[in-house]
Amino acid sequence: MGHQQDHATPCGRQLPDGGQCPGTRSTVYVYDDHGNCISQQMYNCNTCGQ
């Protein structure tokens, strides 16, 4: 049975008023029984509740 790992990468954007908008971008890696990466699913950055 393989496994998967979730990696959360910080990301964000600059607001028009100069403030920062923090967020995270998730990448899910799926591995087979031998530890080979067989799938990678990237999700968009979720900032400011979007």
N, C-alpha and C. Protein backbone atom coordinates (compact mmCIF):
# COMPACT_ATOMS: atom_id res chain seq x y z
N MET A 1 0.85 -1.19 0.00
CA MET A 1 0.00 0.00 0.00
C MET A 1 0.88 1.24 0.00
N GLY A 2 0.65 2.12 -0.93
CA GLY A 2 1.44 3.34 -1.01
C GLY A 2 0.97 4.35 0.02
N HIS A 3 1.52 5.53 -0.07
CA HIS A 3 1.13 6.58 0.87
C HIS A 3 1.16 7.92 0.16
N GLN A 4 0.66 8.94 0.81
CA GLN A 4 0.73 10.28 0.24
C GLN A 4 1.24 11.26 1.28
N GLN A 5 1.86 12.32 0.79
CA GLN A 5 2.36 13.37 1.66
C GLN A 5 1.81 14.71 1.18
N ASP A 6 1.41 15.52 2.13
CA ASP A 6 0.95 16.87 1.81
C ASP A 6 2.04 17.86 2.19
N HIS A 7 2.36 18.74 1.26
CA HIS A 7 3.34 19.79 1.53
C HIS A 7 2.63 21.13 1.41
N ALA A 8 2.69 21.92 2.46
CA ALA A 8 2.10 23.26 2.43
C ALA A 8 3.22 24.27 2.25
N THR A 9 3.12 25.04 1.17
CA THR A 9 4.13 26.04 0.86
C THR A 9 3.55 27.43 1.12
N PRO A 10 4.25 28.26 1.87
CA PRO A 10 3.73 29.61 2.10
C PRO A 10 3.65 30.40 0.80
N CYS A 11 2.56 31.13 0.66
CA CYS A 11 2.43 32.03 -0.49
C CYS A 11 1.49 33.14 -0.06
N GLY A 12 1.45 34.17 -0.78
CA GLY A 12 0.60 35.29 -0.41
C GLY A 12 0.67 36.37 -1.47
N ARG A 13 0.02 37.46 -1.19
CA ARG A 13 0.03 38.55 -2.14
C ARG A 13 0.03 39.89 -1.41
N GLN A 14 0.45 40.90 -2.13
CA GLN A 14 0.49 42.25 -1.58
C GLN A 14 -0.87 42.91 -1.77
N LEU A 15 -1.38 43.50 -0.72
CA LEU A 15 -2.64 44.21 -0.83
C LEU A 15 -2.40 45.62 -1.36
N PRO A 16 -3.42 46.19 -1.99
CA PRO A 16 -3.26 47.55 -2.55
C PRO A 16 -2.84 48.58 -1.51
N ASP A 17 -3.25 48.38 -0.25
CA ASP A 17 -2.89 49.35 0.79
C ASP A 17 -1.52 49.06 1.40
N GLY A 18 -0.80 48.10 0.85
CA GLY A 18 0.54 47.81 1.32
C GLY A 18 0.62 46.68 2.33
N GLY A 19 -0.53 46.17 2.76
CA GLY A 19 -0.54 45.08 3.73
C GLY A 19 -0.20 43.74 3.06
N GLN A 20 0.12 42.78 3.89
CA GLN A 20 0.42 41.45 3.39
C GLN A 20 -0.78 40.53 3.55
N CYS A 21 -0.94 39.63 2.63
CA CYS A 21 -2.01 38.66 2.69
C CYS A 21 -1.40 37.26 2.70
N PRO A 22 -1.24 36.65 3.87
CA PRO A 22 -0.60 35.34 3.92
C PRO A 22 -1.52 34.24 3.40
N GLY A 23 -0.93 33.17 3.00
CA GLY A 23 -1.70 32.03 2.52
C GLY A 23 -0.80 30.83 2.37
N THR A 24 -1.39 29.70 2.03
CA THR A 24 -0.61 28.48 1.79
C THR A 24 -1.05 27.83 0.50
N ARG A 25 -0.11 27.15 -0.14
CA ARG A 25 -0.38 26.39 -1.35
C ARG A 25 -0.05 24.94 -1.03
N SER A 26 -0.99 24.05 -1.26
CA SER A 26 -0.78 22.65 -0.94
C SER A 26 -0.38 21.85 -2.17
N THR A 27 0.57 20.98 -1.99
CA THR A 27 0.95 20.02 -3.02
C THR A 27 0.87 18.63 -2.39
N VAL A 28 0.16 17.72 -3.04
CA VAL A 28 0.00 16.36 -2.53
C VAL A 28 0.77 15.42 -3.43
N TYR A 29 1.72 14.70 -2.84
CA TYR A 29 2.50 13.71 -3.57
C TYR A 29 2.00 12.33 -3.19
N VAL A 30 1.82 11.46 -4.18
CA VAL A 30 1.39 10.09 -3.93
C VAL A 30 2.52 9.15 -4.31
N TYR A 31 2.85 8.23 -3.39
CA TYR A 31 3.94 7.28 -3.60
C TYR A 31 3.41 5.86 -3.65
N ASP A 32 4.10 5.02 -4.43
CA ASP A 32 3.72 3.61 -4.48
C ASP A 32 4.45 2.83 -3.37
N ASP A 33 4.32 1.50 -3.41
CA ASP A 33 4.91 0.67 -2.37
C ASP A 33 6.42 0.80 -2.28
N HIS A 34 7.04 1.18 -3.38
CA HIS A 34 8.51 1.22 -3.44
C HIS A 34 9.06 2.62 -3.17
N GLY A 35 8.18 3.55 -2.83
CA GLY A 35 8.63 4.90 -2.53
C GLY A 35 8.81 5.78 -3.75
N ASN A 36 8.30 5.33 -4.89
CA ASN A 36 8.38 6.14 -6.11
C ASN A 36 7.19 7.09 -6.16
N CYS A 37 7.46 8.34 -6.53
CA CYS A 37 6.38 9.31 -6.65
C CYS A 37 5.61 9.01 -7.94
N ILE A 38 4.33 8.69 -7.82
CA ILE A 38 3.55 8.32 -8.99
C ILE A 38 2.51 9.38 -9.35
N SER A 39 2.27 10.32 -8.45
CA SER A 39 1.28 11.35 -8.74
C SER A 39 1.61 12.60 -7.94
N GLN A 40 1.31 13.75 -8.55
CA GLN A 40 1.50 15.03 -7.87
C GLN A 40 0.33 15.93 -8.20
N GLN A 41 -0.37 16.38 -7.17
CA GLN A 41 -1.52 17.25 -7.36
C GLN A 41 -1.24 18.58 -6.68
N MET A 42 -1.27 19.65 -7.47
CA MET A 42 -1.02 20.97 -6.91
C MET A 42 -2.34 21.73 -6.78
N TYR A 43 -2.49 22.43 -5.68
CA TYR A 43 -3.67 23.24 -5.45
C TYR A 43 -3.29 24.72 -5.45
N ASN A 44 -4.24 25.56 -5.82
CA ASN A 44 -3.98 26.99 -5.89
C ASN A 44 -3.73 27.57 -4.51
N CYS A 45 -3.08 28.71 -4.50
CA CYS A 45 -2.82 29.41 -3.27
C CYS A 45 -4.13 29.93 -2.69
N ASN A 46 -4.37 29.64 -1.41
CA ASN A 46 -5.58 30.17 -0.77
C ASN A 46 -5.21 31.34 0.13
N THR A 47 -5.49 32.54 -0.32
CA THR A 47 -5.16 33.74 0.44
C THR A 47 -6.44 34.52 0.74
N CYS A 48 -6.47 35.14 1.86
CA CYS A 48 -7.59 36.03 2.24
C CYS A 48 -8.93 35.33 2.14
N GLY A 49 -8.99 34.08 2.56
CA GLY A 49 -10.26 33.38 2.58
C GLY A 49 -10.82 33.01 1.22
N GLN A 50 -9.99 33.12 0.18
CA GLN A 50 -10.47 32.76 -1.16
C GLN A 50 -10.27 31.27 -1.40
